[in-house]
Amino acid sequence: DVLSMLLLAQDTEGGSGGMTDLQVRDEAMTLFLAGHETITNTLTWSWYLLAQNPEAEKKLQEELDSVLGGRLPTAEDIPRLTYTNKVLSESMRIYPSAWTMARQCVKDCEIGGYPIRAGSVLFMSPYVMHRNPKYYPDPEKFDPERWTPEAKESRPKFSYFPFGGGPRQCIGDGFAWMEAVLLLATLAQKWTMELVADHPVVVQPNVTIRAKHGVKMILHKRK
């Protein structure tokens, strides 16, 4: 488990051995805090989008009924829940929780003809990139079929980066995917959600991208 990995981790570069109790505690708290609001936002936007796209919601329910047959999902089911993964991928394309991120340039370089000085801070926005019609035609449309293996293969790597990339890519990437798929599958098996009429849903880009007034929904138990 994650805690065992932290306790057993060794500093192979600095030669300082394992982490202190305080360091282990800080790493665990970072994982909990960083992984709680982001997944909450992802599930919130996923339900918001599904409520407006009943055909996608129906496909999701059909997959869950076929794969799970009424039982709770497990980690072993994740590879078989292909449409569930597509729904979450598309939700994070339209509303990536980490909507912007920054990197500091460590030496002078040039990117796309622009000189970048050492010490400069560069900002990248998944929210902007994920809406580029060059890679995503009709970018405001919720379309989980953008995430077939063939469609993914046709796009460059960093046309989609909800978890960042490179050596500083989010350490919780795999954990977040597992958590989101299992939660969405568990809830969507039992419930559908309907948007409350006239409730304003306003995007609020703070540290993460949230709904300013929340997303109010009515739950209906599936028959």
Foldseek 3Di string as FASTA:
>chain_A
DVLVCQQCDADPPVRPGHDDPVVSVVVVVCCCVVLPVQLVQLVQLLLVQCQVPVVLLVVQLVQLCVQPVPDADDLVCVVSSVSLLLSSQLSCQQFQFQQKDKDFAQAWDADPNRTDHHRDIDMDGSNVLSQPCVLPPVSVDRDSVCPDPVNVVVDDDPSHQSQHDDPPGHPCVVVSSSVNSSVCSRDSNFKHKHFDPPDDFDWDDDSTTHGPRGTDIDIDTDD
